[in-house]
PDB file of N, CA and C in Angstrom:
ATOM      1  N   UNK A   1       1.339  53.783 -15.470  1.00  0.00           N
ATOM      2  CA  UNK A   1       1.674  53.813 -14.214  1.00  0.00           C
ATOM      3  C   UNK A   1       2.803  55.060 -14.023  1.00  0.00           C
ATOM      4  N   UNK A   2       2.862  56.128 -12.950  1.00  0.00           N
ATOM      5  CA  UNK A   2       4.088  57.001 -12.878  1.00  0.00           C
ATOM      6  C   UNK A   2       4.621  56.125 -11.888  1.00  0.00           C
ATOM      7  N   UNK A   3       6.210  56.476 -12.079  1.00  0.00           N
ATOM      8  CA  UNK A   3       6.942  55.958 -11.311  1.00  0.00           C
ATOM      9  C   UNK A   3       7.462  56.798 -10.141  1.00  0.00           C
ATOM     10  N   UNK A   4       7.280  56.163  -8.767  1.00  0.00           N
ATOM     11  CA  UNK A   4       7.542  57.162  -7.501  1.00  0.00           C
ATOM     12  C   UNK A   4       6.587  57.159  -6.443  1.00  0.00           C
ATOM     13  N   UNK A   5       7.120  57.544  -5.228  1.00  0.00           N
ATOM     14  CA  UNK A   5       6.420  57.259  -4.027  1.00  0.00           C
ATOM     15  C   UNK A   5       5.138  58.196  -3.713  1.00  0.00           C
ATOM     16  N   UNK A   6       4.343  57.570  -3.247  1.00  0.00           N
ATOM     17  CA  UNK A   6       3.065  58.287  -2.674  1.00  0.00           C
ATOM     18  C   UNK A   6       3.486  59.656  -1.828  1.00  0.00           C
ATOM     19  N   UNK A   7       3.057  60.809  -1.708  1.00  0.00           N
ATOM     20  CA  UNK A   7       3.395  61.958  -1.406  1.00  0.00           C
ATOM     21  C   UNK A   7       3.386  61.559   0.406  1.00  0.00           C
ATOM     22  N   UNK A   8       2.362  60.962   0.710  1.00  0.00           N
ATOM     23  CA  UNK A   8       2.047  60.562   2.065  1.00  0.00           C
ATOM     24  C   UNK A   8       3.079  59.610   2.585  1.00  0.00           C
ATOM     25  N   UNK A   9       3.510  59.038   1.882  1.00  0.00           N
ATOM     26  CA  UNK A   9       4.599  57.952   2.109  1.00  0.00           C
ATOM     27  C   UNK A   9       6.344  58.694   2.427  1.00  0.00           C
ATOM     28  N   UNK A  10       6.328  59.742   1.222  1.00  0.00           N
ATOM     29  CA  UNK A  10       7.196  60.441   1.402  1.00  0.00           C
ATOM     30  C   UNK A  10       7.446  61.446   2.649  1.00  0.00           C
ATOM     31  N   UNK A  11       6.278  61.923   2.952  1.00  0.00           N
ATOM     32  CA  UNK A  11       6.172  62.724   4.373  1.00  0.00           C
ATOM     33  C   UNK A  11       6.670  61.870   5.620  1.00  0.00           C
ATOM     34  N   UNK A  12       5.939  60.600   5.318  1.00  0.00           N
ATOM     35  CA  UNK A  12       6.244  59.571   6.574  1.00  0.00           C
ATOM     36  C   UNK A  12       7.663  59.326   6.662  1.00  0.00           C
ATOM     37  N   UNK A  13       8.457  58.871   5.761  1.00  0.00           N
ATOM     38  CA  UNK A  13       9.798  58.746   5.563  1.00  0.00           C
ATOM     39  C   UNK A  13      10.653  60.223   6.153  1.00  0.00           C
ATOM     40  N   UNK A  14      10.246  61.226   5.576  1.00  0.00           N
ATOM     41  CA  UNK A  14      11.055  62.328   6.077  1.00  0.00           C
ATOM     42  C   UNK A  14      11.004  62.110   7.708  1.00  0.00           C
ATOM     43  N   UNK A  15       9.662  62.039   8.204  1.00  0.00           N
ATOM     44  CA  UNK A  15       9.609  62.218   9.570  1.00  0.00           C
ATOM     45  C   UNK A  15      10.564  61.079  10.341  1.00  0.00           C
ATOM     46  N   UNK A  16      10.552  59.839   9.956  1.00  0.00           N
ATOM     47  CA  UNK A  16      11.363  58.860  10.259  1.00  0.00           C
ATOM     48  C   UNK A  16      12.796  59.433  10.273  1.00  0.00           C
ATOM     49  N   UNK A  17      13.431  59.976   9.114  1.00  0.00           N
ATOM     50  CA  UNK A  17      14.988  60.368   8.819  1.00  0.00           C
ATOM     51  C   UNK A  17      15.052  61.568   9.781  1.00  0.00           C
ATOM     52  N   UNK A  18      13.861  62.295  10.088  1.00  0.00           N
ATOM     53  CA  UNK A  18      14.518  63.622  10.849  1.00  0.00           C
ATOM     54  C   UNK A  18      14.647  63.227  12.291  1.00  0.00           C
ATOM     55  N   UNK A  19      13.617  62.303  12.806  1.00  0.00           N
ATOM     56  CA  UNK A  19      13.570  61.794  13.942  1.00  0.00           C
ATOM     57  C   UNK A  19      14.752  60.835  14.334  1.00  0.00           C
ATOM     58  N   UNK A  20      15.195  60.384  13.396  1.00  0.00           N
ATOM     59  CA  UNK A  20      16.482  59.577  13.454  1.00  0.00           C
ATOM     60  C   UNK A  20      17.754  60.258  13.679  1.00  0.00           C
ATOM     61  N   UNK A  21      17.724  61.424  12.908  1.00  0.00           N
ATOM     62  CA  UNK A  21      18.993  62.208  12.825  1.00  0.00           C
ATOM     63  C   UNK A  21      18.886  63.020  14.330  1.00  0.00           C
ATOM     64  N   UNK A  22      17.602  63.405  14.925  1.00  0.00           N
ATOM     65  CA  UNK A  22      17.875  64.258  16.087  1.00  0.00           C
ATOM     66  C   UNK A  22      17.916  63.547  17.334  1.00  0.00           C
ATOM     67  N   UNK A  23      17.714  62.127  17.137  1.00  0.00           N
ATOM     68  CA  UNK A  23      18.098  61.312  18.179  1.00  0.00           C
ATOM     69  C   UNK A  23      19.339  60.870  18.247  1.00  0.00           C
ATOM     70  N   UNK A  24      20.073  60.385  17.259  1.00  0.00           N
ATOM     71  CA  UNK A  24      21.425  60.281  17.021  1.00  0.00           C
ATOM     72  C   UNK A  24      22.244  61.642  17.489  1.00  0.00           C
ATOM     73  N   UNK A  25      22.157  62.729  17.045  1.00  0.00           N
ATOM     74  CA  UNK A  25      22.779  63.890  17.278  1.00  0.00           C
ATOM     75  C   UNK A  25      22.587  64.016  18.870  1.00  0.00           C
ATOM     76  N   UNK A  26      21.402  63.813  19.490  1.00  0.00           N
ATOM     77  CA  UNK A  26      21.455  64.238  20.907  1.00  0.00           C
ATOM     78  C   UNK A  26      22.351  63.062  21.490  1.00  0.00           C
ATOM     79  N   UNK A  27      22.369  61.735  21.363  1.00  0.00           N
ATOM     80  CA  UNK A  27      22.987  60.695  21.727  1.00  0.00           C
ATOM     81  C   UNK A  27      24.761  61.186  21.443  1.00  0.00           C
ATOM     82  N   UNK A  28      24.898  61.544  20.327  1.00  0.00           N
ATOM     83  CA  UNK A  28      26.556  61.696  20.056  1.00  0.00           C
ATOM     84  C   UNK A  28      27.043  62.915  20.790  1.00  0.00           C
ATOM     85  N   UNK A  29      26.123  64.213  20.911  1.00  0.00           N
ATOM     86  CA  UNK A  29      26.445  65.422  21.723  1.00  0.00           C
ATOM     87  C   UNK A  29      26.893  64.816  23.106  1.00  0.00           C
ATOM     88  N   UNK A  30      25.715  64.005  23.627  1.00  0.00           N
ATOM     89  CA  UNK A  30      25.661  63.920  25.112  1.00  0.00           C
ATOM     90  C   UNK A  30      26.771  62.756  25.362  1.00  0.00           C
ATOM     91  N   UNK A  31      26.821  61.854  24.756  1.00  0.00           N
ATOM     92  CA  UNK A  31      27.964  60.969  24.802  1.00  0.00           C
ATOM     93  C   UNK A  31      29.268  61.594  24.851  1.00  0.00           C
ATOM     94  N   UNK A  32      29.640  62.329  23.818  1.00  0.00           N
ATOM     95  CA  UNK A  32      30.732  63.203  23.734  1.00  0.00           C
ATOM     96  C   UNK A  32      31.139  63.871  24.817  1.00  0.00           C
ATOM     97  N   UNK A  33      30.283  64.814  25.364  1.00  0.00           N
ATOM     98  CA  UNK A  33      30.206  65.707  26.558  1.00  0.00           C
ATOM     99  C   UNK A  33      30.520  64.877  27.736  1.00  0.00           C
ATOM    100  N   UNK A  34      30.151  63.765  27.922  1.00  0.00           N
ATOM    101  CA  UNK A  34      29.972  63.072  29.238  1.00  0.00           C
ATOM    102  C   UNK A  34      30.935  61.769  29.346  1.00  0.00           C
ATOM    103  N   UNK A  35      31.320  61.394  28.162  1.00  0.00           N
ATOM    104  CA  UNK A  35      32.553  60.540  28.532  1.00  0.00           C
ATOM    105  C   UNK A  35      33.988  61.339  28.077  1.00  0.00           C
ATOM    106  N   UNK A  36      34.099  61.357  26.759  1.00  0.00           N
ATOM    107  CA  UNK A  36      35.232  61.958  26.326  1.00  0.00           C
ATOM    108  C   UNK A  36      35.859  62.878  27.046  1.00  0.00           C
ATOM    109  N   UNK A  37      34.891  63.989  27.079  1.00  0.00           N
ATOM    110  CA  UNK A  37      35.154  65.100  27.834  1.00  0.00           C
ATOM    111  C   UNK A  37      35.320  65.028  29.247  1.00  0.00           C
ATOM    112  N   UNK A  38      34.635  63.887  29.996  1.00  0.00           N
ATOM    113  CA  UNK A  38      34.683  63.346  31.307  1.00  0.00           C
ATOM    114  C   UNK A  38      33.835  64.378  31.867  1.00  0.00           C
ATOM    115  N   UNK A  39      33.021  64.984  31.662  1.00  0.00           N
ATOM    116  CA  UNK A  39      31.678  65.820  32.480  1.00  0.00           C
ATOM    117  C   UNK A  39      30.802  65.049  33.324  1.00  0.00           C
ATOM    118  N   UNK A  40      30.580  63.583  33.099  1.00  0.00           N
ATOM    119  CA  UNK A  40      29.485  62.816  33.689  1.00  0.00           C
ATOM    120  C   UNK A  40      30.417  62.127  34.964  1.00  0.00           C
ATOM    121  N   UNK A  41      31.599  61.932  34.956  1.00  0.00           N
ATOM    122  CA  UNK A  41      31.941  61.115  36.091  1.00  0.00           C
ATOM    123  C   UNK A  41      33.374  61.549  36.738  1.00  0.00           C
ATOM    124  N   UNK A  42      34.235  62.363  36.067  1.00  0.00           N
ATOM    125  CA  UNK A  42      35.285  62.773  36.667  1.00  0.00           C
ATOM    126  C   UNK A  42      35.781  63.455  37.886  1.00  0.00           C
ATOM    127  N   UNK A  43      36.766  63.054  38.441  1.00  0.00           N
ATOM    128  CA  UNK A  43      37.196  63.758  39.853  1.00  0.00           C
ATOM    129  C   UNK A  43      37.634  65.376  39.586  1.00  0.00           C
ATOM    130  N   UNK A  44      37.988  65.450  38.091  1.00  0.00           N
ATOM    131  CA  UNK A  44      38.771  66.578  37.563  1.00  0.00           C
ATOM    132  C   UNK A  44      38.102  67.733  37.829  1.00  0.00           C
ATOM    133  N   UNK A  45      36.584  67.815  37.340  1.00  0.00           N
ATOM    134  CA  UNK A  45      35.845  69.087  37.427  1.00  0.00           C
ATOM    135  C   UNK A  45      35.060  68.989  38.879  1.00  0.00           C
ATOM    136  N   UNK A  46      34.590  70.234  39.135  1.00  0.00           N
ATOM    137  CA  UNK A  46      33.732  70.351  40.556  1.00  0.00           C
ATOM    138  C   UNK A  46      32.407  69.634  40.170  1.00  0.00           C
ATOM    139  N   UNK A  47      31.734  69.598  41.498  1.00  0.00           N
ATOM    140  CA  UNK A  47      30.263  69.018  41.701  1.00  0.00           C
ATOM    141  C   UNK A  47      29.517  69.707  40.651  1.00  0.00           C
ATOM    142  N   UNK A  48      29.845  71.299  40.664  1.00  0.00           N
ATOM    143  CA  UNK A  48      28.904  72.192  40.074  1.00  0.00           C
ATOM    144  C   UNK A  48      29.012  71.583  38.551  1.00  0.00           C
ATOM    145  N   UNK A  49      29.969  71.776  37.968  1.00  0.00           N
ATOM    146  CA  UNK A  49      30.170  70.970  36.393  1.00  0.00           C
ATOM    147  C   UNK A  49      29.398  69.771  36.368  1.00  0.00           C
ATOM    148  N   UNK A  50      29.516  68.686  37.107  1.00  0.00           N
ATOM    149  CA  UNK A  50      28.690  67.910  37.072  1.00  0.00           C
ATOM    150  C   UNK A  50      27.055  67.829  37.153  1.00  0.00           C
ATOM    151  N   UNK A  51      26.633  68.683  38.193  1.00  0.00           N
ATOM    152  CA  UNK A  51      25.321  69.261  38.364  1.00  0.00           C
ATOM    153  C   UNK A  51      24.947  69.836  37.034  1.00  0.00           C
ATOM    154  N   UNK A  52      25.434  70.793  36.455  1.00  0.00           N
ATOM    155  CA  UNK A  52      25.492  71.222  35.420  1.00  0.00           C
ATOM    156  C   UNK A  52      25.021  70.312  33.835  1.00  0.00           C
ATOM    157  N   UNK A  53      25.991  69.308  33.924  1.00  0.00           N
ATOM    158  CA  UNK A  53      26.223  68.619  32.923  1.00  0.00           C
ATOM    159  C   UNK A  53      24.764  67.835  32.963  1.00  0.00           C
ATOM    160  N   UNK A  54      24.222  67.137  33.845  1.00  0.00           N
ATOM    161  CA  UNK A  54      23.132  66.624  34.309  1.00  0.00           C
ATOM    162  C   UNK A  54      21.708  67.488  34.100  1.00  0.00           C
ATOM    163  N   UNK A  55      21.830  68.697  34.324  1.00  0.00           N
ATOM    164  CA  UNK A  55      20.527  69.414  34.120  1.00  0.00           C
ATOM    165  C   UNK A  55      20.683  69.629  32.522  1.00  0.00           C
ATOM    166  N   UNK A  56      21.710  69.890  32.112  1.00  0.00           N
ATOM    167  CA  UNK A  56      21.687  69.839  30.400  1.00  0.00           C
ATOM    168  C   UNK A  56      21.234  68.648  29.732  1.00  0.00           C
ATOM    169  N   UNK A  57      21.675  67.754  30.409  1.00  0.00           N
ATOM    170  CA  UNK A  57      21.200  66.171  29.986  1.00  0.00           C
ATOM    171  C   UNK A  57      19.521  66.096  29.968  1.00  0.00           C
ATOM    172  N   UNK A  58      19.164  66.436  31.286  1.00  0.00           N
ATOM    173  CA  UNK A  58      17.631  66.277  31.473  1.00  0.00           C
ATOM    174  C   UNK A  58      16.652  67.179  30.611  1.00  0.00           C
ATOM    175  N   UNK A  59      17.404  68.530  30.414  1.00  0.00           N
ATOM    176  CA  UNK A  59      16.807  69.831  29.695  1.00  0.00           C
ATOM    177  C   UNK A  59      16.755  69.166  27.980  1.00  0.00           C
ATOM    178  N   UNK A  60      17.915  68.707  27.671  1.00  0.00           N
ATOM    179  CA  UNK A  60      17.924  68.721  26.389  1.00  0.00           C
ATOM    180  C   UNK A  60      17.060  67.405  26.091  1.00  0.00           C
ATOM    181  N   UNK A  61      16.974  66.182  26.922  1.00  0.00           N
ATOM    182  CA  UNK A  61      16.060  65.236  26.786  1.00  0.00           C
ATOM    183  C   UNK A  61      14.650  65.652  26.414  1.00  0.00           C
ATOM    184  N   UNK A  62      14.326  66.428  27.456  1.00  0.00           N
ATOM    185  CA  UNK A  62      12.993  67.243  27.553  1.00  0.00           C
ATOM    186  C   UNK A  62      12.570  67.882  26.139  1.00  0.00           C
ATOM    187  N   UNK A  63      13.596  68.556  25.574  1.00  0.00           N
ATOM    188  CA  UNK A  63      13.471  68.997  24.293  1.00  0.00           C
ATOM    189  C   UNK A  63      13.444  68.242  23.309  1.00  0.00           C
ATOM    190  N   UNK A  64      14.025  67.056  23.103  1.00  0.00           N
ATOM    191  CA  UNK A  64      14.203  66.019  22.120  1.00  0.00           C
ATOM    192  C   UNK A  64      13.065  65.464  22.282  1.00  0.00           C
ATOM    193  N   UNK A  65      12.155  65.029  23.169  1.00  0.00           N
ATOM    194  CA  UNK A  65      10.830  64.515  23.447  1.00  0.00           C
ATOM    195  C   UNK A  65       9.903  65.449  23.072  1.00  0.00           C
ATOM    196  N   UNK A  66       9.837  66.578  23.186  1.00  0.00           N
ATOM    197  CA  UNK A  66       9.007  67.705  22.803  1.00  0.00           C
ATOM    198  C   UNK A  66       8.952  67.858  21.209  1.00  0.00           C
ATOM    199  N   UNK A  67      10.325  67.593  20.794  1.00  0.00           N
ATOM    200  CA  UNK A  67      10.448  67.545  19.167  1.00  0.00           C
ATOM    201  C   UNK A  67       9.634  66.340  18.416  1.00  0.00           C
ATOM    202  N   UNK A  68       9.724  65.472  19.056  1.00  0.00           N
ATOM    203  CA  UNK A  68       9.165  64.017  18.608  1.00  0.00           C
ATOM    204  C   UNK A  68       7.694  64.393  18.681  1.00  0.00           C
ATOM    205  N   UNK A  69       6.972  64.910  20.020  1.00  0.00           N
ATOM    206  CA  UNK A  69       5.773  64.890  20.188  1.00  0.00           C
ATOM    207  C   UNK A  69       5.613  66.019  18.972  1.00  0.00           C
ATOM    208  N   UNK A  70       5.592  67.122  18.653  1.00  0.00           N
ATOM    209  CA  UNK A  70       5.604  67.741  17.699  1.00  0.00           C
ATOM    210  C   UNK A  70       5.866  67.149  16.253  1.00  0.00           C
ATOM    211  N   UNK A  71       6.664  66.628  15.844  1.00  0.00           N
ATOM    212  CA  UNK A  71       6.850  66.091  14.725  1.00  0.00           C
ATOM    213  C   UNK A  71       5.750  64.910  14.385  1.00  0.00           C
ATOM    214  N   UNK A  72       5.605  64.103  15.669  1.00  0.00           N
ATOM    215  CA  UNK A  72       4.621  62.903  15.321  1.00  0.00           C
ATOM    216  C   UNK A  72       3.336  63.061  15.760  1.00  0.00           C
ATOM    217  N   UNK A  73       3.047  64.232  16.125  1.00  0.00           N
ATOM    218  CA  UNK A  73       1.707  64.654  16.625  1.00  0.00           C
ATOM    219  C   UNK A  73       0.366  65.244  15.410  1.00  0.00           C
ATOM    220  N   UNK A  74       1.422  65.679  14.223  1.00  0.00           N
ATOM    221  CA  UNK A  74       0.780  66.268  13.131  1.00  0.00           C
ATOM    222  C   UNK A  74      -0.188  65.206  12.584  1.00  0.00           C
TER     223      UNK A  74
END
């Protein structure tokens, strides 16, 4: 018997790793922008910057969910 994983299992694990990486990168980028750079709650910036940040947050979430749909819909 040959040692190794079934190609279907390998493809499934790649989907899991790619999905996890994409989700964590989305999370890290938005947490860094929102909390570290204070784009989500600071009085240092104008309301336009807050609105722009939350529009980015919603749009990027939509794109992340669209990516998940494309990856897992195959």
